[in-house]
């Protein structure tokens, strides 16, 4: 039996983020009181504890902070993608983001390498983030 890959859940806090990706735009949450950028989306600012936020478009550019090569799937639906590289990116906006790195062999990944956001449209209508090296 071939089960489809699960999609990430969408909540009230994350809906603008997922809608932005669907439009091929990276939207990051900002505190409406102190202005701090935060990612992953969440209801409260970790700097001033405000519950007010807004969303601003981000560049989708950054540098590789760290990575791991995944050889074992957490869920069997991801077995066909193995091995893949999961990166932690320092975005130019000052937050970190994790996503797969595409188009690079494991021995070609370097800390500090410049990357850009890619948009992967899935059959269920959701768009997921990935990264590729800057040209």
N, C-alpha and C. Protein backbone atom coordinates (compact mmCIF):
# COMPACT_ATOMS: atom_id res chain seq x y z
N UNK A 1 0.85 -1.18 0.00
CA UNK A 1 0.00 0.00 0.00
C UNK A 1 0.89 1.24 0.00
N UNK A 2 0.60 2.18 -0.89
CA UNK A 2 1.41 3.38 -1.03
C UNK A 2 0.65 4.57 -0.45
N UNK A 3 1.05 5.05 0.73
CA UNK A 3 0.39 6.18 1.39
C UNK A 3 1.07 7.47 0.97
N UNK A 4 0.32 8.54 0.79
CA UNK A 4 0.93 9.83 0.43
C UNK A 4 1.69 10.41 1.62
N UNK A 5 2.63 11.29 1.33
CA UNK A 5 3.36 11.98 2.39
C UNK A 5 2.40 12.91 3.12
N UNK A 6 2.50 12.96 4.44
CA UNK A 6 1.63 13.88 5.18
C UNK A 6 2.04 15.33 4.95
N UNK A 7 1.07 16.22 5.05
CA UNK A 7 1.34 17.65 4.94
C UNK A 7 1.45 18.24 6.34
N UNK A 8 2.27 19.28 6.49
CA UNK A 8 2.34 19.94 7.80
C UNK A 8 0.98 20.53 8.18
N UNK A 9 0.66 20.52 9.46
CA UNK A 9 -0.62 21.10 9.88
C UNK A 9 -0.61 22.63 9.76
N UNK A 10 -1.77 23.18 9.44
CA UNK A 10 -1.94 24.63 9.35
C UNK A 10 -2.80 25.06 10.52
N UNK A 11 -2.33 26.08 11.25
CA UNK A 11 -3.09 26.61 12.39
C UNK A 11 -3.33 28.10 12.17
N UNK A 12 -4.02 28.73 13.09
CA UNK A 12 -4.26 30.17 13.00
C UNK A 12 -2.94 30.94 12.97
N UNK A 13 -1.95 30.49 13.75
CA UNK A 13 -0.67 31.18 13.79
C UNK A 13 0.16 30.97 12.53
N UNK A 14 0.03 29.80 11.90
CA UNK A 14 0.88 29.48 10.75
C UNK A 14 0.24 29.72 9.40
N UNK A 15 -1.06 29.97 9.35
CA UNK A 15 -1.77 30.11 8.06
C UNK A 15 -1.14 31.16 7.14
N UNK A 16 -0.76 32.36 7.61
CA UNK A 16 -0.14 33.33 6.70
C UNK A 16 1.18 32.81 6.11
N UNK A 17 1.96 32.08 6.90
CA UNK A 17 3.21 31.51 6.42
C UNK A 17 2.95 30.54 5.26
N UNK A 18 2.01 29.61 5.45
CA UNK A 18 1.71 28.62 4.41
C UNK A 18 1.08 29.26 3.18
N UNK A 19 0.24 30.25 3.38
CA UNK A 19 -0.37 30.96 2.24
C UNK A 19 0.71 31.69 1.43
N UNK A 20 1.65 32.31 2.14
CA UNK A 20 2.76 32.96 1.45
C UNK A 20 3.56 31.99 0.60
N UNK A 21 3.88 30.82 1.16
CA UNK A 21 4.62 29.82 0.38
C UNK A 21 3.83 29.39 -0.85
N UNK A 22 2.52 29.22 -0.69
CA UNK A 22 1.67 28.84 -1.83
C UNK A 22 1.75 29.89 -2.94
N UNK A 23 1.96 31.15 -2.56
CA UNK A 23 2.11 32.25 -3.52
C UNK A 23 3.57 32.45 -3.94
N UNK A 24 4.44 31.53 -3.50
CA UNK A 24 5.89 31.60 -3.77
C UNK A 24 6.52 32.86 -3.18
N UNK A 25 6.11 33.15 -1.95
CA UNK A 25 6.66 34.26 -1.17
C UNK A 25 6.96 33.74 0.23
N UNK A 26 8.08 34.15 0.80
CA UNK A 26 8.39 33.79 2.18
C UNK A 26 7.93 34.93 3.08
N UNK A 27 6.96 34.67 3.92
CA UNK A 27 6.47 35.65 4.88
C UNK A 27 6.97 35.28 6.26
N UNK A 28 7.55 36.24 6.96
CA UNK A 28 8.02 36.02 8.32
C UNK A 28 7.19 36.85 9.28
N UNK A 29 6.97 36.29 10.44
CA UNK A 29 6.18 36.94 11.47
C UNK A 29 7.07 37.95 12.22
N UNK A 30 6.49 39.10 12.52
CA UNK A 30 7.18 40.16 13.26
C UNK A 30 6.29 40.58 14.43
N UNK A 31 6.91 40.90 15.54
CA UNK A 31 6.17 41.41 16.68
C UNK A 31 5.66 42.81 16.33
N UNK A 32 4.38 43.04 16.55
CA UNK A 32 3.78 44.34 16.24
C UNK A 32 4.15 45.39 17.28
N UNK A 33 4.72 44.96 18.42
CA UNK A 33 5.09 45.93 19.45
C UNK A 33 6.58 46.25 19.44
N UNK A 34 7.45 45.24 19.46
CA UNK A 34 8.89 45.52 19.51
C UNK A 34 9.59 45.33 18.16
N UNK A 35 8.90 44.76 17.18
CA UNK A 35 9.44 44.61 15.84
C UNK A 35 10.32 43.40 15.61
N UNK A 36 10.53 42.59 16.62
CA UNK A 36 11.41 41.42 16.48
C UNK A 36 10.85 40.42 15.47
N UNK A 37 11.73 39.94 14.58
CA UNK A 37 11.36 38.92 13.62
C UNK A 37 11.42 37.57 14.31
N UNK A 38 10.45 36.69 14.00
CA UNK A 38 10.49 35.35 14.57
C UNK A 38 10.12 34.31 13.54
N UNK A 39 10.77 33.19 13.65
CA UNK A 39 10.47 32.02 12.83
C UNK A 39 10.91 30.84 13.64
N UNK A 40 10.10 29.98 13.81
CA UNK A 40 8.84 29.50 13.31
C UNK A 40 7.71 30.39 13.83
N UNK A 41 6.56 30.45 13.13
CA UNK A 41 5.43 31.26 13.60
C UNK A 41 4.89 30.75 14.94
N UNK A 42 4.59 31.69 15.82
CA UNK A 42 4.02 31.34 17.12
C UNK A 42 3.24 32.52 17.68
N UNK A 43 2.38 32.27 18.65
CA UNK A 43 1.47 33.32 19.11
C UNK A 43 2.13 34.44 19.91
N UNK A 44 3.26 34.16 20.61
CA UNK A 44 3.82 35.16 21.52
C UNK A 44 5.26 35.52 21.13
N UNK A 45 5.58 36.78 21.24
CA UNK A 45 6.94 37.26 21.02
C UNK A 45 7.81 36.80 22.19
N UNK A 46 8.96 36.21 21.89
CA UNK A 46 9.84 35.76 22.97
C UNK A 46 10.71 36.88 23.53
N UNK A 47 10.63 38.08 22.95
CA UNK A 47 11.40 39.22 23.46
C UNK A 47 10.58 40.07 24.42
N UNK A 48 9.32 40.38 24.03
CA UNK A 48 8.52 41.29 24.87
C UNK A 48 7.19 40.67 25.32
N UNK A 49 6.92 39.44 24.89
CA UNK A 49 5.72 38.69 25.29
C UNK A 49 4.42 39.24 24.74
N UNK A 50 4.52 40.06 23.72
CA UNK A 50 3.33 40.59 23.07
C UNK A 50 2.63 39.47 22.30
N UNK A 51 1.32 39.55 22.22
CA UNK A 51 0.53 38.61 21.43
C UNK A 51 0.15 39.20 20.07
N UNK A 52 0.66 40.40 19.78
CA UNK A 52 0.33 41.05 18.52
C UNK A 52 1.46 40.83 17.51
N UNK A 53 1.08 40.52 16.28
CA UNK A 53 2.10 40.30 15.26
C UNK A 53 1.59 40.74 13.89
N UNK A 54 2.55 40.88 12.97
CA UNK A 54 2.22 41.13 11.57
C UNK A 54 3.21 40.33 10.73
N UNK A 55 3.00 40.34 9.43
CA UNK A 55 3.79 39.52 8.52
C UNK A 55 4.45 40.41 7.47
N UNK A 56 5.72 40.12 7.18
CA UNK A 56 6.45 40.88 6.16
C UNK A 56 7.15 39.90 5.23
N UNK A 57 7.23 40.27 3.97
CA UNK A 57 7.91 39.41 3.00
C UNK A 57 9.42 39.45 3.24
N UNK A 58 10.03 38.27 3.17
CA UNK A 58 11.46 38.13 3.37
C UNK A 58 12.14 37.80 2.04
N UNK A 59 13.46 37.93 2.03
CA UNK A 59 14.22 37.73 0.80
C UNK A 59 14.34 36.25 0.40
N UNK A 60 14.29 35.35 1.38
CA UNK A 60 14.52 33.94 1.07
C UNK A 60 15.99 33.61 0.87
N UNK A 61 16.86 34.52 1.26
CA UNK A 61 18.30 34.31 1.09
C UNK A 61 18.97 34.18 2.46
N UNK A 62 20.05 33.42 2.47
CA UNK A 62 20.78 33.24 3.71
C UNK A 62 22.03 32.41 3.49
N UNK A 63 22.58 31.92 4.59
CA UNK A 63 23.77 31.09 4.53
C UNK A 63 23.57 29.83 5.36
N UNK A 64 24.30 28.78 4.99
CA UNK A 64 24.19 27.51 5.69
C UNK A 64 24.87 27.63 7.05
N UNK A 65 24.13 27.33 8.10
CA UNK A 65 24.65 27.31 9.46
C UNK A 65 25.13 25.90 9.81
N UNK A 66 24.29 24.91 9.50
CA UNK A 66 24.65 23.51 9.76
C UNK A 66 23.79 22.62 8.88
N UNK A 67 24.09 21.33 8.88
CA UNK A 67 23.34 20.38 8.06
C UNK A 67 23.53 18.97 8.57
N UNK A 68 22.65 18.11 8.12
CA UNK A 68 22.77 16.68 8.37
C UNK A 68 22.30 15.94 7.13
N UNK A 69 22.88 14.80 6.88
CA UNK A 69 22.44 13.95 5.77
C UNK A 69 21.53 12.88 6.37
N UNK A 70 20.29 12.85 5.92
CA UNK A 70 19.29 11.93 6.44
C UNK A 70 19.35 10.63 5.64
N UNK A 71 19.57 9.53 6.36
CA UNK A 71 19.66 8.21 5.74
C UNK A 71 18.51 7.29 6.15
N UNK A 72 17.80 7.68 7.20
CA UNK A 72 16.70 6.85 7.70
C UNK A 72 15.44 7.71 7.79
N UNK A 73 14.35 7.28 7.15
CA UNK A 73 13.14 8.11 7.19
C UNK A 73 12.42 7.99 8.52
N UNK A 74 11.99 9.14 9.05
CA UNK A 74 11.15 9.13 10.24
C UNK A 74 9.81 8.48 9.92
N UNK A 75 9.30 8.76 8.72
CA UNK A 75 8.07 8.14 8.22
C UNK A 75 8.40 7.40 6.93
N UNK A 76 7.82 6.23 6.73
CA UNK A 76 8.14 5.41 5.55
C UNK A 76 7.78 6.12 4.25
N UNK A 77 6.84 7.06 4.27
CA UNK A 77 6.44 7.77 3.06
C UNK A 77 7.59 8.60 2.47
N UNK A 78 8.66 8.84 3.23
CA UNK A 78 9.79 9.64 2.76
C UNK A 78 10.98 8.78 2.32
N UNK A 79 10.82 7.47 2.32
CA UNK A 79 11.92 6.56 1.99
C UNK A 79 12.48 6.83 0.59
N UNK A 80 11.62 7.13 -0.39
CA UNK A 80 12.08 7.34 -1.77
C UNK A 80 12.99 8.55 -1.91
N UNK A 81 12.96 9.49 -0.95
CA UNK A 81 13.79 10.69 -1.03
C UNK A 81 15.19 10.49 -0.45
N UNK A 82 15.43 9.38 0.20
CA UNK A 82 16.72 9.13 0.87
C UNK A 82 17.85 8.92 -0.11
N UNK A 83 19.07 9.29 0.24
CA UNK A 83 19.37 10.21 1.33
C UNK A 83 19.08 11.65 0.90
N UNK A 84 18.81 12.51 1.85
CA UNK A 84 18.64 13.93 1.54
C UNK A 84 19.34 14.75 2.62
N UNK A 85 19.60 16.01 2.28
CA UNK A 85 20.32 16.90 3.19
C UNK A 85 19.32 17.88 3.80
N UNK A 86 19.31 17.93 5.14
CA UNK A 86 18.49 18.90 5.85
C UNK A 86 19.42 19.98 6.38
N UNK A 87 19.14 21.24 6.02
CA UNK A 87 20.00 22.36 6.42
C UNK A 87 19.30 23.29 7.40
N UNK A 88 20.10 23.91 8.23
CA UNK A 88 19.66 25.03 9.06
C UNK A 88 20.29 26.27 8.43
N UNK A 89 19.45 27.22 8.06
CA UNK A 89 19.87 28.42 7.34
C UNK A 89 19.75 29.64 8.24
N UNK A 90 20.80 30.47 8.24
CA UNK A 90 20.73 31.79 8.86
C UNK A 90 20.20 32.73 7.78
N UNK A 91 18.93 33.09 7.87
CA UNK A 91 18.35 34.03 6.90
C UNK A 91 18.90 35.42 7.12
N UNK A 92 18.97 36.22 6.05
CA UNK A 92 19.49 37.58 6.18
C UNK A 92 18.62 38.43 7.12
N UNK A 93 17.39 38.01 7.34
CA UNK A 93 16.48 38.74 8.22
C UNK A 93 16.77 38.47 9.70
N UNK A 94 17.73 37.57 10.00
CA UNK A 94 18.15 37.38 11.39
C UNK A 94 17.53 36.21 12.12
N UNK A 95 16.82 35.35 11.43
CA UNK A 95 16.26 34.15 12.06
C UNK A 95 16.78 32.92 11.33
N UNK A 96 16.60 31.76 11.94
CA UNK A 96 17.01 30.51 11.32
C UNK A 96 15.79 29.76 10.82
N UNK A 97 16.05 28.98 9.77
CA UNK A 97 14.99 28.20 9.13
C UNK A 97 15.58 26.87 8.70
N UNK A 98 14.79 25.81 8.82
CA UNK A 98 15.24 24.48 8.39
C UNK A 98 14.41 24.01 7.21
N UNK A 99 15.09 23.37 6.26
CA UNK A 99 14.43 22.81 5.09
C UNK A 99 15.45 21.93 4.36
N UNK A 100 14.98 21.10 3.44
CA UNK A 100 15.93 20.30 2.65
C UNK A 100 16.76 21.17 1.72
N UNK A 101 17.98 20.72 1.44
CA UNK A 101 18.85 21.36 0.45
C UNK A 101 18.77 20.53 -0.81
N UNK A 102 18.49 21.15 -1.94
CA UNK A 102 18.32 20.44 -3.21
C UNK A 102 19.48 20.72 -4.16
N UNK A 103 19.79 19.70 -4.97
CA UNK A 103 20.75 19.87 -6.05
C UNK A 103 22.20 19.92 -5.64
N UNK A 104 22.53 19.44 -4.45
CA UNK A 104 23.90 19.49 -3.96
C UNK A 104 24.26 18.12 -3.38
N UNK A 105 25.39 17.54 -3.78
CA UNK A 105 25.81 16.28 -3.16
C UNK A 105 26.28 16.53 -1.72
N UNK A 106 26.23 15.52 -0.89
CA UNK A 106 26.59 15.67 0.52
C UNK A 106 27.99 16.24 0.71
N UNK A 107 28.92 15.89 -0.17
CA UNK A 107 30.28 16.41 -0.02
C UNK A 107 30.45 17.82 -0.59
N UNK A 108 29.37 18.40 -1.12
CA UNK A 108 29.41 19.75 -1.67
C UNK A 108 28.84 20.81 -0.75
N UNK A 109 28.40 20.41 0.45
CA UNK A 109 27.81 21.36 1.40
C UNK A 109 28.93 22.01 2.22
N UNK A 110 28.86 23.33 2.36
CA UNK A 110 29.86 24.07 3.13
C UNK A 110 29.17 25.07 4.05
N UNK A 111 29.67 25.14 5.29
CA UNK A 111 29.15 26.13 6.23
C UNK A 111 29.43 27.52 5.66
N UNK A 112 28.42 28.38 5.72
CA UNK A 112 28.55 29.74 5.22
C UNK A 112 28.21 29.91 3.75
N UNK A 113 27.93 28.79 3.05
CA UNK A 113 27.58 28.90 1.62
C UNK A 113 26.27 29.66 1.47
N UNK A 114 26.17 30.50 0.46
CA UNK A 114 24.96 31.29 0.20
C UNK A 114 23.90 30.43 -0.46
N UNK A 115 22.66 30.58 0.03
CA UNK A 115 21.53 29.82 -0.49
C UNK A 115 20.36 30.74 -0.78
N UNK A 116 19.42 30.20 -1.56
CA UNK A 116 18.17 30.91 -1.85
C UNK A 116 17.02 29.92 -1.65
N UNK A 117 15.88 30.46 -1.32
CA UNK A 117 14.69 29.64 -1.08
C UNK A 117 14.13 29.11 -2.39
N UNK A 118 13.72 27.85 -2.38
CA UNK A 118 13.01 27.23 -3.48
C UNK A 118 11.61 26.88 -2.99
N UNK A 119 10.67 26.79 -3.90
CA UNK A 119 9.28 26.48 -3.55
C UNK A 119 8.90 25.17 -4.21
N UNK A 120 8.50 24.19 -3.41
CA UNK A 120 8.13 22.88 -3.93
C UNK A 120 6.62 22.69 -3.81
N UNK A 121 5.94 22.79 -4.94
CA UNK A 121 4.48 22.64 -4.96
C UNK A 121 4.12 21.16 -4.91
N UNK A 122 3.28 20.78 -3.96
CA UNK A 122 2.89 19.38 -3.74
C UNK A 122 1.53 19.12 -4.37
N UNK A 123 1.23 17.85 -4.70
CA UNK A 123 -0.05 17.51 -5.34
C UNK A 123 -1.28 17.90 -4.52
N UNK A 124 -1.14 17.99 -3.19
CA UNK A 124 -2.29 18.33 -2.34
C UNK A 124 -2.56 19.83 -2.29
N UNK A 125 -1.76 20.63 -3.03
CA UNK A 125 -1.96 22.09 -3.05
C UNK A 125 -1.08 22.85 -2.09
N UNK A 126 -0.38 22.15 -1.20
CA UNK A 126 0.51 22.84 -0.28
C UNK A 126 1.88 23.05 -0.94
N UNK A 127 2.54 24.11 -0.57
CA UNK A 127 3.89 24.39 -1.05
C UNK A 127 4.83 24.32 0.12
N UNK A 128 5.94 23.59 -0.06
CA UNK A 128 6.93 23.42 1.00
C UNK A 128 8.22 24.15 0.64
N UNK A 129 8.95 24.62 1.65
CA UNK A 129 10.22 25.29 1.39
C UNK A 129 11.35 24.29 1.19
N UNK A 130 12.32 24.66 0.40
CA UNK A 130 13.60 23.95 0.25
C UNK A 130 14.62 25.03 -0.08
N UNK A 131 15.89 24.67 -0.08
CA UNK A 131 16.93 25.63 -0.42
C UNK A 131 17.81 25.06 -1.52
N UNK A 132 18.43 25.96 -2.28
CA UNK A 132 19.42 25.62 -3.27
C UNK A 132 20.57 26.61 -3.16
N UNK A 133 21.75 26.19 -3.59
CA UNK A 133 22.89 27.10 -3.55
C UNK A 133 22.65 28.26 -4.50
N UNK A 134 23.14 29.46 -4.11
CA UNK A 134 23.06 30.63 -4.99
C UNK A 134 23.91 30.38 -6.23
N UNK A 135 23.45 30.86 -7.35
CA UNK A 135 24.21 30.71 -8.61
C UNK A 135 25.40 31.61 -8.65
